[in-house]
Amino acid sequence: MLKNVAAVLLDGVNPFELGVVCEVFGVDRSDDGLPVYDFAVVSADGPTVRSNTGFALQVEHGLERLETADLITVPAGSAHVSRRFPPELLDALRRAVDRGARVLSVCSGVFVLAAAGLLDGRRVTSHWKHAEELARQYPHLTVEPDVLYVDEDPVITSAGTAAGIDACLHLVRKEQGPEVANKIARRMVVPPHRDGGQAQYIERPLPRTGVGTVAEVLVWMERHLDEEVTVEQLAGRAHMSPRTFARRFQQETGTTPYRWILRQRVLLAQHLLEATDETVDVIAGRTGFGNAAALRHHFVRAVGTTPQAYRRTFRGPEAA
């Protein structure tokens, strides 16, 4: 069960990546009926840690706090690519995984996990600009430079900046269900779910203004998952040509309209299987799959199990 979470800081820590894990796991949202995590910031470099933007952080906890953590997160740092890490930190990370804890890196935090030997033989990711150096230093890893995050339980690695949010919410969804993850995302005003396999937007151009994006269409699509829509119809809602819309959609989401809506339908089906007693046929209609056979086909491909088996896992044999 995900209850006790620690974030490990080293000199040169990136404030945004630290803020990501603090925002997801360190904020008390009990007023929304959400779980409260036992969250702590831990220093591996003494009580005062310098950020990479010129200010210092006073940290209360040392590495002993890692001994009870269910999840240890490692935010990025400006020197992580080239520095040597404290042996006692690497030992603590190994002990944590040996006793069943998870570890999650954001951006260059992956170099810490690699130095601890936790990634050998695994698929991993990091910010695309670090991918080549990561593969050079640790040739026993399979580096995937163009994805948002990789879940190789008990190790999760994520790319830069906002991909850390995606990885953290992915873990919350996995451990505590889509309703909790969606509520946290709503409070953070971020998308409720992005697949780890989506692109990092390496070539993504920044819009010149807020006009001409697909954001409003995404909101409409999420509210009308039960409807059949075409790219032409979506392009019309965005006041673009189909070709321009498809290109802009890929730039802003890292996937195609078909794949995006398919994944959202599967996610809605997961929620309904967990939270309601509706039949698979009814859920297929509500999620836009039309019939139970189509839902089963896409559900197995995306989740790796059938809708009925998924429901039994979350709600017990009597639910199915």
C-alpha atoms as a PDB file:
ATOM      1  CA  MET A   1       0.000   0.000   0.000  1.00  0.00           C
ATOM      2  CA  LEU A   2       1.269   3.448  -0.926  1.00  0.00           C
ATOM      3  CA  LYS A   3       1.338   5.476   2.311  1.00  0.00           C
ATOM      4  CA  ASN A   4       4.887   6.484   3.226  1.00  0.00           C
ATOM      5  CA  VAL A   5       6.739   8.567   0.618  1.00  0.00           C
ATOM      6  CA  ALA A   6      10.193  10.170   0.694  1.00  0.00           C
ATOM      7  CA  ALA A   7      11.957  12.494  -1.733  1.00  0.00           C
ATOM      8  CA  VAL A   8      15.764  12.297  -1.800  1.00  0.00           C
ATOM      9  CA  LEU A   9      17.636  15.565  -2.300  1.00  0.00           C
ATOM     10  CA  LEU A  10      21.217  16.057  -3.424  1.00  0.00           C
ATOM     11  CA  ASP A  11      23.138  19.280  -4.017  1.00  0.00           C
ATOM     12  CA  GLY A  12      22.021  20.912  -7.256  1.00  0.00           C
ATOM     13  CA  VAL A  13      18.438  19.633  -7.000  1.00  0.00           C
ATOM     14  CA  ASN A  14      16.034  21.023  -9.598  1.00  0.00           C
ATOM     15  CA  PRO A  15      13.223  22.876  -7.770  1.00  0.00           C
ATOM     16  CA  PHE A  16      10.521  22.017 -10.291  1.00  0.00           C
ATOM     17  CA  GLU A  17      11.157  18.271 -10.229  1.00  0.00           C
ATOM     18  CA  LEU A  18      11.242  18.384  -6.421  1.00  0.00           C
ATOM     19  CA  GLY A  19       8.020  20.376  -6.506  1.00  0.00           C
ATOM     20  CA  VAL A  20       6.363  17.698  -8.640  1.00  0.00           C
ATOM     21  CA  VAL A  21       6.697  14.983  -6.009  1.00  0.00           C
ATOM     22  CA  CYS A  22       5.878  17.441  -3.216  1.00  0.00           C
ATOM     23  CA  GLU A  23       2.689  18.479  -5.014  1.00  0.00           C
ATOM     24  CA  VAL A  24       1.469  14.950  -5.718  1.00  0.00           C
ATOM     25  CA  PHE A  25       2.412  13.306  -2.414  1.00  0.00           C
ATOM     26  CA  GLY A  26       3.051  16.126   0.057  1.00  0.00           C
ATOM     27  CA  VAL A  27      -0.190  18.137  -0.062  1.00  0.00           C
ATOM     28  CA  ASP A  28      -3.009  17.360   2.370  1.00  0.00           C
ATOM     29  CA  ARG A  29      -6.157  16.916   0.249  1.00  0.00           C
ATOM     30  CA  SER A  30      -8.226  15.174   2.908  1.00  0.00           C
ATOM     31  CA  ASP A  31     -10.904  17.866   2.461  1.00  0.00           C
ATOM     32  CA  ASP A  32     -11.596  16.180  -0.897  1.00  0.00           C
ATOM     33  CA  GLY A  33     -11.648  12.728   0.650  1.00  0.00           C
ATOM     34  CA  LEU A  34      -8.235  11.923  -0.797  1.00  0.00           C
ATOM     35  CA  PRO A  35      -5.520   9.924   0.972  1.00  0.00           C
ATOM     36  CA  VAL A  36      -2.890  11.782   2.985  1.00  0.00           C
ATOM     37  CA  TYR A  37       0.628  10.469   2.522  1.00  0.00           C
ATOM     38  CA  ASP A  38       3.272  10.387   5.213  1.00  0.00           C
ATOM     39  CA  PHE A  39       5.636  12.510   3.141  1.00  0.00           C
ATOM     40  CA  ALA A  40       9.169  13.663   3.950  1.00  0.00           C
ATOM     41  CA  VAL A  41      12.060  15.366   2.186  1.00  0.00           C
ATOM     42  CA  VAL A  42      15.372  13.629   2.853  1.00  0.00           C
ATOM     43  CA  SER A  43      18.912  14.910   2.301  1.00  0.00           C
ATOM     44  CA  ALA A  44      21.827  12.789   1.169  1.00  0.00           C
ATOM     45  CA  ASP A  45      24.201  15.775   1.317  1.00  0.00           C
ATOM     46  CA  GLY A  46      23.769  17.142   4.837  1.00  0.00           C
ATOM     47  CA  PRO A  47      21.129  19.402   6.418  1.00  0.00           C
ATOM     48  CA  THR A  48      21.592  22.208   3.878  1.00  0.00           C
ATOM     49  CA  VAL A  49      21.074  21.398   0.201  1.00  0.00           C
ATOM     50  CA  ARG A  50      21.668  23.874  -2.591  1.00  0.00           C
ATOM     51  CA  SER A  51      19.260  24.078  -5.497  1.00  0.00           C
ATOM     52  CA  ASN A  52      20.419  24.609  -9.058  1.00  0.00           C
ATOM     53  CA  THR A  53      18.756  28.033  -9.127  1.00  0.00           C
ATOM     54  CA  GLY A  54      20.678  29.750  -6.348  1.00  0.00           C
ATOM     55  CA  PHE A  55      18.765  29.149  -3.135  1.00  0.00           C
ATOM     56  CA  ALA A  56      19.334  26.693  -0.298  1.00  0.00           C
ATOM     57  CA  LEU A  57      16.985  24.261   1.430  1.00  0.00           C
ATOM     58  CA  GLN A  58      17.110  23.246   5.072  1.00  0.00           C
ATOM     59  CA  VAL A  59      16.239  19.560   5.263  1.00  0.00           C
ATOM     60  CA  GLU A  60      15.083  17.952   8.497  1.00  0.00           C
ATOM     61  CA  HIS A  61      15.537  14.267   7.657  1.00  0.00           C
ATOM     62  CA  GLY A  62      18.587  12.163   6.854  1.00  0.00           C
ATOM     63  CA  LEU A  63      18.838   8.861   5.037  1.00  0.00           C
ATOM     64  CA  GLU A  64      17.452   6.912   7.994  1.00  0.00           C
ATOM     65  CA  ARG A  65      13.993   8.143   6.940  1.00  0.00           C
ATOM     66  CA  LEU A  66      14.242   5.957   3.826  1.00  0.00           C
ATOM     67  CA  GLU A  67      14.093   2.782   5.903  1.00  0.00           C
ATOM     68  CA  THR A  68      10.308   3.028   6.325  1.00  0.00           C
ATOM     69  CA  ALA A  69       9.318   4.487   2.934  1.00  0.00           C
ATOM     70  CA  ASP A  70       6.949   2.635   0.589  1.00  0.00           C
ATOM     71  CA  LEU A  71       8.078   4.891  -2.243  1.00  0.00           C
ATOM     72  CA  ILE A  72      11.375   6.754  -2.649  1.00  0.00           C
ATOM     73  CA  THR A  73      11.426   9.471  -5.291  1.00  0.00           C
ATOM     74  CA  VAL A  74      14.625  10.917  -6.753  1.00  0.00           C
ATOM     75  CA  PRO A  75      14.149  14.339  -8.394  1.00  0.00           C
ATOM     76  CA  ALA A  76      16.547  15.666 -11.017  1.00  0.00           C
ATOM     77  CA  GLY A  77      19.730  17.526 -10.186  1.00  0.00           C
ATOM     78  CA  SER A  78      22.074  19.660 -12.241  1.00  0.00           C
ATOM     79  CA  ALA A  79      25.120  17.444 -11.561  1.00  0.00           C
ATOM     80  CA  HIS A  80      23.472  14.025 -11.513  1.00  0.00           C
ATOM     81  CA  VAL A  81      24.808  13.129 -14.953  1.00  0.00           C
ATOM     82  CA  SER A  82      28.455  13.358 -13.890  1.00  0.00           C
ATOM     83  CA  ARG A  83      28.779  13.365 -10.074  1.00  0.00           C
ATOM     84  CA  ARG A  84      29.547  10.513  -7.694  1.00  0.00           C
ATOM     85  CA  PHE A  85      26.768   9.663  -5.259  1.00  0.00           C
ATOM     86  CA  PRO A  86      27.157   8.939  -1.538  1.00  0.00           C
ATOM     87  CA  PRO A  87      27.626   5.174  -1.057  1.00  0.00           C
ATOM     88  CA  GLU A  88      25.283   5.242   1.931  1.00  0.00           C
ATOM     89  CA  LEU A  89      22.503   6.598  -0.312  1.00  0.00           C
ATOM     90  CA  LEU A  90      23.035   3.856  -2.892  1.00  0.00           C
ATOM     91  CA  ASP A  91      23.013   1.244  -0.123  1.00  0.00           C
ATOM     92  CA  ALA A  92      19.771   2.672   1.292  1.00  0.00           C
ATOM     93  CA  LEU A  93      18.101   2.513  -2.121  1.00  0.00           C
ATOM     94  CA  ARG A  94      19.148  -1.109  -2.603  1.00  0.00           C
ATOM     95  CA  ARG A  95      17.868  -2.061   0.843  1.00  0.00           C
ATOM     96  CA  ALA A  96      14.560  -0.343   0.147  1.00  0.00           C
ATOM     97  CA  VAL A  97      13.964  -2.281  -3.066  1.00  0.00           C
ATOM     98  CA  ASP A  98      15.047  -5.533  -1.397  1.00  0.00           C
ATOM     99  CA  ARG A  99      12.353  -5.094   1.270  1.00  0.00           C
ATOM    100  CA  GLY A 100       9.649  -4.325  -1.306  1.00  0.00           C
ATOM    101  CA  ALA A 101       9.646  -0.518  -1.662  1.00  0.00           C
ATOM    102  CA  ARG A 102       9.310   1.247  -4.996  1.00  0.00           C
ATOM    103  CA  VAL A 103      11.688   3.862  -6.386  1.00  0.00           C
ATOM    104  CA  LEU A 104      10.763   6.578  -8.886  1.00  0.00           C
ATOM    105  CA  SER A 105      13.137   8.938 -10.684  1.00  0.00           C
ATOM    106  CA  VAL A 106      12.320  12.219 -12.380  1.00  0.00           C
ATOM    107  CA  CYS A 107      14.558  13.235 -15.303  1.00  0.00           C
ATOM    108  CA  SER A 108      18.255  12.931 -14.380  1.00  0.00           C
ATOM    109  CA  GLY A 109      17.361  11.274 -11.074  1.00  0.00           C
ATOM    110  CA  VAL A 110      17.641   8.071 -13.113  1.00  0.00           C
ATOM    111  CA  PHE A 111      21.442   8.321 -12.818  1.00  0.00           C
ATOM    112  CA  VAL A 112      21.151   7.789  -9.064  1.00  0.00           C
ATOM    113  CA  LEU A 113      19.098   4.625  -9.523  1.00  0.00           C
ATOM    114  CA  ALA A 114      21.503   3.397 -12.196  1.00  0.00           C
ATOM    115  CA  ALA A 115      24.490   3.983  -9.916  1.00  0.00           C
ATOM    116  CA  ALA A 116      22.771   1.891  -7.251  1.00  0.00           C
ATOM    117  CA  GLY A 117      22.495  -0.994  -9.724  1.00  0.00           C
ATOM    118  CA  LEU A 118      18.705  -0.981  -9.633  1.00  0.00           C
ATOM    119  CA  LEU A 119      18.234  -0.618 -13.379  1.00  0.00           C
ATOM    120  CA  ASP A 120      20.455  -3.354 -14.806  1.00  0.00           C
ATOM    121  CA  GLY A 121      18.589  -5.261 -17.499  1.00  0.00           C
ATOM    122  CA  ARG A 122      15.567  -2.953 -17.291  1.00  0.00           C
ATOM    123  CA  ARG A 123      13.888  -0.567 -19.718  1.00  0.00           C
ATOM    124  CA  VAL A 124      14.307   3.022 -18.532  1.00  0.00           C
ATOM    125  CA  THR A 125      13.876   6.593 -19.682  1.00  0.00           C
ATOM    126  CA  SER A 126      15.076  10.077 -18.866  1.00  0.00           C
ATOM    127  CA  HIS A 127      14.984  13.485 -20.498  1.00  0.00           C
ATOM    128  CA  TRP A 128      15.878  12.973 -24.147  1.00  0.00           C
ATOM    129  CA  LYS A 129      19.008  15.124 -23.841  1.00  0.00           C
ATOM    130  CA  HIS A 130      20.443  12.718 -21.213  1.00  0.00           C
ATOM    131  CA  ALA A 131      19.535   9.485 -23.014  1.00  0.00           C
ATOM    132  CA  GLU A 132      22.766   9.017 -24.947  1.00  0.00           C
ATOM    133  CA  GLU A 133      24.969   9.658 -21.905  1.00  0.00           C
ATOM    134  CA  LEU A 134      22.829   7.346 -19.761  1.00  0.00           C
ATOM    135  CA  ALA A 135      23.232   4.540 -22.291  1.00  0.00           C
ATOM    136  CA  ARG A 136      26.979   5.179 -22.550  1.00  0.00           C
ATOM    137  CA  GLN A 137      27.561   5.088 -18.805  1.00  0.00           C
ATOM    138  CA  TYR A 138      25.260   2.130 -18.168  1.00  0.00           C
ATOM    139  CA  PRO A 139      25.296  -0.158 -21.221  1.00  0.00           C
ATOM    140  CA  HIS A 140      23.267  -2.857 -19.439  1.00  0.00           C
ATOM    141  CA  LEU A 141      20.173  -0.648 -19.531  1.00  0.00           C
ATOM    142  CA  THR A 142      17.652  -0.402 -22.347  1.00  0.00           C
ATOM    143  CA  VAL A 143      17.190   3.360 -22.681  1.00  0.00           C
ATOM    144  CA  GLU A 144      13.991   4.553 -24.345  1.00  0.00           C
ATOM    145  CA  PRO A 145      14.646   8.231 -25.077  1.00  0.00           C
ATOM    146  CA  ASP A 146      11.288   9.210 -26.567  1.00  0.00           C
ATOM    147  CA  VAL A 147       8.710   8.165 -23.947  1.00  0.00           C
ATOM    148  CA  LEU A 148       7.263   9.928 -20.907  1.00  0.00           C
ATOM    149  CA  TYR A 149       7.849   7.225 -18.317  1.00  0.00           C
ATOM    150  CA  VAL A 150       8.608   3.515 -17.991  1.00  0.00           C
ATOM    151  CA  ASP A 151       7.109   1.316 -15.274  1.00  0.00           C
ATOM    152  CA  GLU A 152       9.392  -1.644 -14.565  1.00  0.00           C
ATOM    153  CA  ASP A 153       7.958  -2.371 -11.140  1.00  0.00           C
ATOM    154  CA  PRO A 154       9.400  -1.757  -8.551  1.00  0.00           C
ATOM    155  CA  VAL A 155      11.327   0.863 -10.529  1.00  0.00           C
ATOM    156  CA  ILE A 156       9.663   3.735 -12.389  1.00  0.00           C
ATOM    157  CA  THR A 157      11.719   6.194 -14.442  1.00  0.00           C
ATOM    158  CA  SER A 158      10.365   9.342 -16.059  1.00  0.00           C
ATOM    159  CA  ALA A 159      11.474  12.012 -18.483  1.00  0.00           C
ATOM    160  CA  GLY A 160      11.882  15.704 -17.745  1.00  0.00           C
ATOM    161  CA  THR A 161       9.630  18.151 -15.960  1.00  0.00           C
ATOM    162  CA  ALA A 162       5.924  17.406 -16.521  1.00  0.00           C
ATOM    163  CA  ALA A 163       6.583  13.729 -17.294  1.00  0.00           C
ATOM    164  CA  GLY A 164       7.352  13.378 -13.591  1.00  0.00           C
ATOM    165  CA  ILE A 165       3.753  14.390 -12.859  1.00  0.00           C
ATOM    166  CA  ASP A 166       2.547  11.730 -15.292  1.00  0.00           C
ATOM    167  CA  ALA A 167       4.682   9.037 -13.641  1.00  0.00           C
ATOM    168  CA  CYS A 168       3.536   9.970 -10.129  1.00  0.00           C
ATOM    169  CA  LEU A 169      -0.134  10.004 -11.143  1.00  0.00           C
ATOM    170  CA  HIS A 170       0.366   6.713 -12.965  1.00  0.00           C
ATOM    171  CA  LEU A 171       1.593   5.145  -9.733  1.00  0.00           C
ATOM    172  CA  VAL A 172      -1.307   6.627  -7.749  1.00  0.00           C
ATOM    173  CA  ARG A 173      -3.735   5.276 -10.342  1.00  0.00           C
ATOM    174  CA  LYS A 174      -2.069   1.861 -10.211  1.00  0.00           C
ATOM    175  CA  GLU A 175      -2.095   1.667  -6.408  1.00  0.00           C
ATOM    176  CA  GLN A 176      -5.247   3.574  -5.455  1.00  0.00           C
ATOM    177  CA  GLY A 177      -7.402   3.590  -8.561  1.00  0.00           C
ATOM    178  CA  PRO A 178      -8.400   6.100 -11.245  1.00  0.00           C
ATOM    179  CA  GLU A 179     -10.801   8.065  -9.052  1.00  0.00           C
ATOM    180  CA  VAL A 180      -8.036   9.104  -6.627  1.00  0.00           C
ATOM    181  CA  ALA A 181      -5.610   9.876  -9.448  1.00  0.00           C
ATOM    182  CA  ASN A 182      -8.197  11.887 -11.355  1.00  0.00           C
ATOM    183  CA  LYS A 183      -9.131  13.953  -8.291  1.00  0.00           C
ATOM    184  CA  ILE A 184      -5.478  14.768  -7.583  1.00  0.00           C
ATOM    185  CA  ALA A 185      -4.992  15.709 -11.239  1.00  0.00           C
ATOM    186  CA  ARG A 186      -8.058  17.921 -11.126  1.00  0.00           C
ATOM    187  CA  ARG A 187      -6.720  19.751  -8.061  1.00  0.00           C
ATOM    188  CA  MET A 188      -3.386  20.205  -9.851  1.00  0.00           C
ATOM    189  CA  VAL A 189      -5.147  21.294 -13.077  1.00  0.00           C
ATOM    190  CA  VAL A 190      -3.241  18.760 -15.187  1.00  0.00           C
ATOM    191  CA  PRO A 191      -4.418  16.052 -17.606  1.00  0.00           C
ATOM    192  CA  PRO A 192      -5.740  13.046 -15.654  1.00  0.00           C
ATOM    193  CA  HIS A 193      -3.668  10.524 -17.578  1.00  0.00           C
ATOM    194  CA  ARG A 194      -1.012  10.370 -20.258  1.00  0.00           C
ATOM    195  CA  ASP A 195       0.349   7.024 -21.380  1.00  0.00           C
ATOM    196  CA  GLY A 196       3.982   6.422 -20.563  1.00  0.00           C
ATOM    197  CA  GLY A 197       4.574   5.486 -24.190  1.00  0.00           C
ATOM    198  CA  GLN A 198       3.593   8.899 -25.506  1.00  0.00           C
ATOM    199  CA  ALA A 199       6.303  11.008 -27.044  1.00  0.00           C
ATOM    200  CA  GLN A 200       8.369  13.516 -25.049  1.00  0.00           C
ATOM    201  CA  TYR A 201       7.541  16.223 -27.620  1.00  0.00           C
ATOM    202  CA  ILE A 202      11.196  16.619 -28.530  1.00  0.00           C
ATOM    203  CA  GLU A 203      10.287  18.597 -31.636  1.00  0.00           C
ATOM    204  CA  ARG A 204       7.178  20.246 -30.238  1.00  0.00           C
ATOM    205  CA  PRO A 205       6.860  23.924 -31.238  1.00  0.00           C
ATOM    206  CA  LEU A 206       5.420  26.249 -28.634  1.00  0.00           C
ATOM    207  CA  PRO A 207       2.154  27.897 -29.709  1.00  0.00           C
ATOM    208  CA  ARG A 208       2.545  31.615 -30.246  1.00  0.00           C
ATOM    209  CA  THR A 209      -0.735  32.280 -28.454  1.00  0.00           C
ATOM    210  CA  GLY A 210      -3.486  30.361 -26.737  1.00  0.00           C
ATOM    211  CA  VAL A 211      -5.438  30.389 -29.987  1.00  0.00           C
ATOM    212  CA  GLY A 212      -5.131  27.441 -32.331  1.00  0.00           C
ATOM    213  CA  THR A 213      -4.551  24.682 -29.781  1.00  0.00           C
ATOM    214  CA  VAL A 214      -6.594  21.519 -29.334  1.00  0.00           C
ATOM    215  CA  ALA A 215      -7.168  21.960 -25.583  1.00  0.00           C
ATOM    216  CA  GLU A 216     -10.891  22.704 -25.851  1.00  0.00           C
ATOM    217  CA  VAL A 217     -11.394  19.779 -28.209  1.00  0.00           C
ATOM    218  CA  LEU A 218      -9.687  17.463 -25.704  1.00  0.00           C
ATOM    219  CA  VAL A 219     -12.156  18.559 -23.034  1.00  0.00           C
ATOM    220  CA  TRP A 220     -15.064  17.927 -25.421  1.00  0.00           C
ATOM    221  CA  MET A 221     -13.691  14.505 -26.409  1.00  0.00           C
ATOM    222  CA  GLU A 222     -13.353  13.449 -22.775  1.00  0.00           C
ATOM    223  CA  ARG A 223     -16.991  14.387 -22.126  1.00  0.00           C
ATOM    224  CA  HIS A 224     -18.284  12.525 -25.205  1.00  0.00           C
ATOM    225  CA  LEU A 225     -16.374   9.250 -25.111  1.00  0.00           C
ATOM    226  CA  ASP A 226     -19.584   7.345 -25.885  1.00  0.00           C
ATOM    227  CA  GLU A 227     -19.946   9.055 -29.259  1.00  0.00           C
ATOM    228  CA  GLU A 228     -18.380   8.053 -32.565  1.00  0.00           C
ATOM    229  CA  VAL A 229     -16.409  10.962 -33.974  1.00  0.00           C
ATOM    230  CA  THR A 230     -14.150  11.476 -36.970  1.00  0.00           C
ATOM    231  CA  VAL A 231     -11.038  13.577 -37.386  1.00  0.00           C
ATOM    232  CA  GLU A 232     -13.043  15.773 -39.734  1.00  0.00           C
ATOM    233  CA  GLN A 233     -15.640  16.452 -37.038  1.00  0.00           C
ATOM    234  CA  LEU A 234     -12.980  17.182 -34.427  1.00  0.00           C
ATOM    235  CA  ALA A 235     -11.132  19.460 -36.833  1.00  0.00           C
ATOM    236  CA  GLY A 236     -14.364  21.359 -37.408  1.00  0.00           C
ATOM    237  CA  ARG A 237     -14.748  21.944 -33.663  1.00  0.00           C
ATOM    238  CA  ALA A 238     -11.182  23.296 -33.598  1.00  0.00           C
ATOM    239  CA  HIS A 239     -11.804  25.446 -36.722  1.00  0.00           C
ATOM    240  CA  MET A 240      -8.918  23.760 -38.529  1.00  0.00           C
ATOM    241  CA  SER A 241      -8.506  21.618 -41.595  1.00  0.00           C
ATOM    242  CA  PRO A 242      -8.288  17.886 -40.809  1.00  0.00           C
ATOM    243  CA  ARG A 243      -4.639  17.815 -41.827  1.00  0.00           C
ATOM    244  CA  THR A 244      -3.705  20.783 -39.632  1.00  0.00           C
ATOM    245  CA  PHE A 245      -5.734  19.393 -36.734  1.00  0.00           C
ATOM    246  CA  ALA A 246      -4.078  15.973 -36.918  1.00  0.00           C
ATOM    247  CA  ARG A 247      -0.621  17.569 -36.979  1.00  0.00           C
ATOM    248  CA  ARG A 248      -1.418  19.938 -34.103  1.00  0.00           C
ATOM    249  CA  PHE A 249      -2.981  17.124 -32.073  1.00  0.00           C
ATOM    250  CA  GLN A 250       0.185  15.044 -32.424  1.00  0.00           C
ATOM    251  CA  GLN A 251       2.334  18.015 -31.404  1.00  0.00           C
ATOM    252  CA  GLU A 252       0.294  18.811 -28.309  1.00  0.00           C
ATOM    253  CA  THR A 253      -0.528  15.309 -27.029  1.00  0.00           C
ATOM    254  CA  GLY A 254       2.210  13.109 -28.469  1.00  0.00           C
ATOM    255  CA  THR A 255      -0.327  10.719 -30.008  1.00  0.00           C
ATOM    256  CA  THR A 256      -3.112  10.529 -32.593  1.00  0.00           C
ATOM    257  CA  PRO A 257      -6.785  11.387 -31.974  1.00  0.00           C
ATOM    258  CA  TYR A 258      -7.727   7.709 -32.404  1.00  0.00           C
ATOM    259  CA  ARG A 259      -5.157   6.446 -29.903  1.00  0.00           C
ATOM    260  CA  TRP A 260      -5.967   9.216 -27.416  1.00  0.00           C
ATOM    261  CA  ILE A 261      -9.693   8.568 -27.379  1.00  0.00           C
ATOM    262  CA  LEU A 262      -9.158   4.787 -27.310  1.00  0.00           C
ATOM    263  CA  ARG A 263      -6.987   5.094 -24.207  1.00  0.00           C
ATOM    264  CA  GLN A 264      -9.463   7.410 -22.494  1.00  0.00           C
ATOM    265  CA  ARG A 265     -12.254   4.935 -23.189  1.00  0.00           C
ATOM    266  CA  VAL A 266     -10.244   2.123 -21.615  1.00  0.00           C
ATOM    267  CA  LEU A 267      -9.524   4.313 -18.574  1.00  0.00           C
ATOM    268  CA  LEU A 268     -13.230   5.098 -18.199  1.00  0.00           C
ATOM    269  CA  ALA A 269     -14.017   1.388 -18.478  1.00  0.00           C
ATOM    270  CA  GLN A 270     -11.493   0.656 -15.718  1.00  0.00           C
ATOM    271  CA  HIS A 271     -13.180   3.223 -13.478  1.00  0.00           C
ATOM    272  CA  LEU A 272     -16.667   1.852 -14.136  1.00  0.00           C
ATOM    273  CA  LEU A 273     -15.524  -1.721 -13.533  1.00  0.00           C
ATOM    274  CA  GLU A 274     -14.048  -0.666 -10.208  1.00  0.00           C
ATOM    275  CA  ALA A 275     -16.726   1.717  -9.000  1.00  0.00           C
ATOM    276  CA  THR A 276     -20.065   0.401 -10.348  1.00  0.00           C
ATOM    277  CA  ASP A 277     -22.071  -2.816 -10.704  1.00  0.00           C
ATOM    278  CA  GLU A 278     -22.954  -2.123 -14.337  1.00  0.00           C
ATOM    279  CA  THR A 279     -22.652  -5.040 -16.742  1.00  0.00           C
ATOM    280  CA  VAL A 280     -19.846  -5.206 -19.264  1.00  0.00           C
ATOM    281  CA  ASP A 281     -22.402  -4.585 -22.039  1.00  0.00           C
ATOM    282  CA  VAL A 282     -23.593  -1.376 -20.385  1.00  0.00           C
ATOM    283  CA  ILE A 283     -20.017  -0.237 -19.778  1.00  0.00           C
ATOM    284  CA  ALA A 284     -19.182  -0.948 -23.421  1.00  0.00           C
ATOM    285  CA  GLY A 285     -21.991   1.393 -24.450  1.00  0.00           C
ATOM    286  CA  ARG A 286     -21.020   4.129 -21.998  1.00  0.00           C
ATOM    287  CA  THR A 287     -17.407   4.057 -23.110  1.00  0.00           C
ATOM    288  CA  GLY A 288     -18.041   4.148 -26.835  1.00  0.00           C
ATOM    289  CA  PHE A 289     -16.967   0.582 -27.638  1.00  0.00           C
ATOM    290  CA  GLY A 290     -20.491  -0.394 -28.606  1.00  0.00           C
ATOM    291  CA  ASN A 291     -20.476  -4.007 -27.475  1.00  0.00           C
ATOM    292  CA  ALA A 292     -18.779  -6.272 -24.958  1.00  0.00           C
ATOM    293  CA  ALA A 293     -16.648  -8.028 -27.571  1.00  0.00           C
ATOM    294  CA  ALA A 294     -15.088  -4.774 -28.766  1.00  0.00           C
ATOM    295  CA  LEU A 295     -14.518  -3.618 -25.188  1.00  0.00           C
ATOM    296  CA  ARG A 296     -12.889  -6.923 -24.303  1.00  0.00           C
ATOM    297  CA  HIS A 297     -10.594  -6.768 -27.357  1.00  0.00           C
ATOM    298  CA  HIS A 298      -9.297  -3.272 -26.655  1.00  0.00           C
ATOM    299  CA  PHE A 299      -9.228  -3.772 -22.876  1.00  0.00           C
ATOM    300  CA  VAL A 300      -7.032  -6.880 -23.125  1.00  0.00           C
ATOM    301  CA  ARG A 301      -4.650  -5.109 -25.501  1.00  0.00           C
ATOM    302  CA  ALA A 302      -4.319  -2.066 -23.235  1.00  0.00           C
ATOM    303  CA  VAL A 303      -4.475  -3.596 -19.740  1.00  0.00           C
ATOM    304  CA  GLY A 304      -3.352  -7.169 -20.303  1.00  0.00           C
ATOM    305  CA  THR A 305      -6.426  -8.810 -18.779  1.00  0.00           C
ATOM    306  CA  THR A 306     -10.166  -9.122 -19.443  1.00  0.00           C
ATOM    307  CA  PRO A 307     -12.759  -6.698 -18.030  1.00  0.00           C
ATOM    308  CA  GLN A 308     -14.239  -9.417 -15.793  1.00  0.00           C
ATOM    309  CA  ALA A 309     -10.827 -10.465 -14.460  1.00  0.00           C
ATOM    310  CA  TYR A 310      -9.983  -6.810 -13.831  1.00  0.00           C
ATOM    311  CA  ARG A 311     -13.203  -6.340 -11.861  1.00  0.00           C
ATOM    312  CA  ARG A 312     -12.520  -9.448  -9.778  1.00  0.00           C
ATOM    313  CA  THR A 313      -9.035  -8.177  -8.959  1.00  0.00           C
ATOM    314  CA  PHE A 314     -10.351  -4.874  -7.625  1.00  0.00           C
ATOM    315  CA  ARG A 315     -13.663  -5.902  -6.115  1.00  0.00           C
ATOM    316  CA  GLY A 316     -13.416  -9.608  -5.330  1.00  0.00           C
ATOM    317  CA  PRO A 317     -14.958 -12.716  -6.992  1.00  0.00           C
ATOM    318  CA  GLU A 318     -18.513 -11.814  -5.989  1.00  0.00           C
ATOM    319  CA  ALA A 319     -18.413  -8.599  -8.080  1.00  0.00           C
ATOM    320  CA  ALA A 320     -18.039 -10.507 -11.331  1.00  0.00           C
END
